[in-house]
Amino acid sequence: MTNSKSLPNWKIGVWPGIALGMGLGVTQHNLLLGIALSVCLGVALSYALAATRKTGEA
C-alpha cells in the first residue's frame, strides 16, 4: 500500500484533517459529514505528507 521507505506522518496529517473536515461539516450544518470528512482528510494527508524512514543504509 505504501512505500517501505516512508511512514505516514499522523501528527501532521490528522490535525489539519480534523480542522478542515469539521469546518466543512459545521458550515453545512451536518455533524456526520464533518466526522466523515475529518477521518478521510486526516488519513489522506497523513500519507501524502509521509515522513521518510531513517535507516542505517547509505
Protein backbone atom coordinates (compact mmCIF):
# COMPACT_ATOMS: atom_id res chain seq x y z
CA MET A 1 0.00 0.00 0.00
CA THR A 2 2.77 2.45 0.85
CA ASN A 3 6.41 2.75 0.03
CA SER A 4 8.51 0.81 2.54
CA LYS A 5 10.85 3.80 2.85
CA SER A 6 8.16 6.17 4.13
CA LEU A 7 5.79 6.16 7.08
CA PRO A 8 2.56 8.14 7.43
CA ASN A 9 3.04 11.33 9.42
CA TRP A 10 -0.02 11.11 11.68
CA LYS A 11 0.56 14.30 13.69
CA ILE A 12 0.93 16.48 10.61
CA GLY A 13 -1.97 14.85 8.74
CA VAL A 14 -4.70 14.23 11.29
CA TRP A 15 -4.92 17.64 12.97
CA PRO A 16 -5.42 19.66 9.76
CA GLY A 17 -7.79 16.93 8.57
CA ILE A 18 -9.92 17.34 11.68
CA ALA A 19 -9.93 21.12 11.35
CA LEU A 20 -10.86 21.09 7.66
CA GLY A 21 -13.41 18.29 7.94
CA MET A 22 -15.22 19.70 10.95
CA GLY A 23 -15.12 23.19 9.45
CA LEU A 24 -16.83 21.99 6.30
CA GLY A 25 -19.29 19.91 8.32
CA VAL A 26 -20.26 22.86 10.51
CA THR A 27 -20.78 25.16 7.53
CA GLN A 28 -23.13 22.56 6.04
CA HIS A 29 -24.89 22.03 9.41
CA ASN A 30 -24.12 18.33 9.26
CA LEU A 31 -22.07 16.74 12.05
CA LEU A 32 -21.87 13.31 10.40
CA LEU A 33 -20.44 14.85 7.24
CA GLY A 34 -17.83 16.66 9.34
CA ILE A 35 -16.76 13.48 11.09
CA ALA A 36 -16.52 11.53 7.83
CA LEU A 37 -14.52 14.28 6.13
CA SER A 38 -12.23 14.57 9.15
CA VAL A 39 -11.34 10.89 9.01
CA CYS A 40 -10.88 10.83 5.23
CA LEU A 41 -8.84 14.02 5.03
CA GLY A 42 -6.76 13.09 8.07
CA VAL A 43 -5.73 9.74 6.65
CA ALA A 44 -5.13 11.17 3.16
CA LEU A 45 -2.95 13.99 4.47
CA SER A 46 -1.03 11.63 6.72
CA TYR A 47 0.01 9.50 3.77
CA ALA A 48 0.53 12.49 1.47
CA LEU A 49 2.89 14.15 3.95
CA ALA A 50 4.76 10.95 4.78
CA ALA A 51 7.96 11.11 6.77
CA THR A 52 10.96 9.30 5.37
CA ARG A 53 12.17 6.33 7.33
CA LYS A 54 15.71 6.66 8.69
CA THR A 55 17.72 3.52 8.11
CA GLY A 56 21.35 2.63 8.52
CA GLU A 57 21.75 2.11 4.79
CA ALA A 58 23.51 4.73 2.68
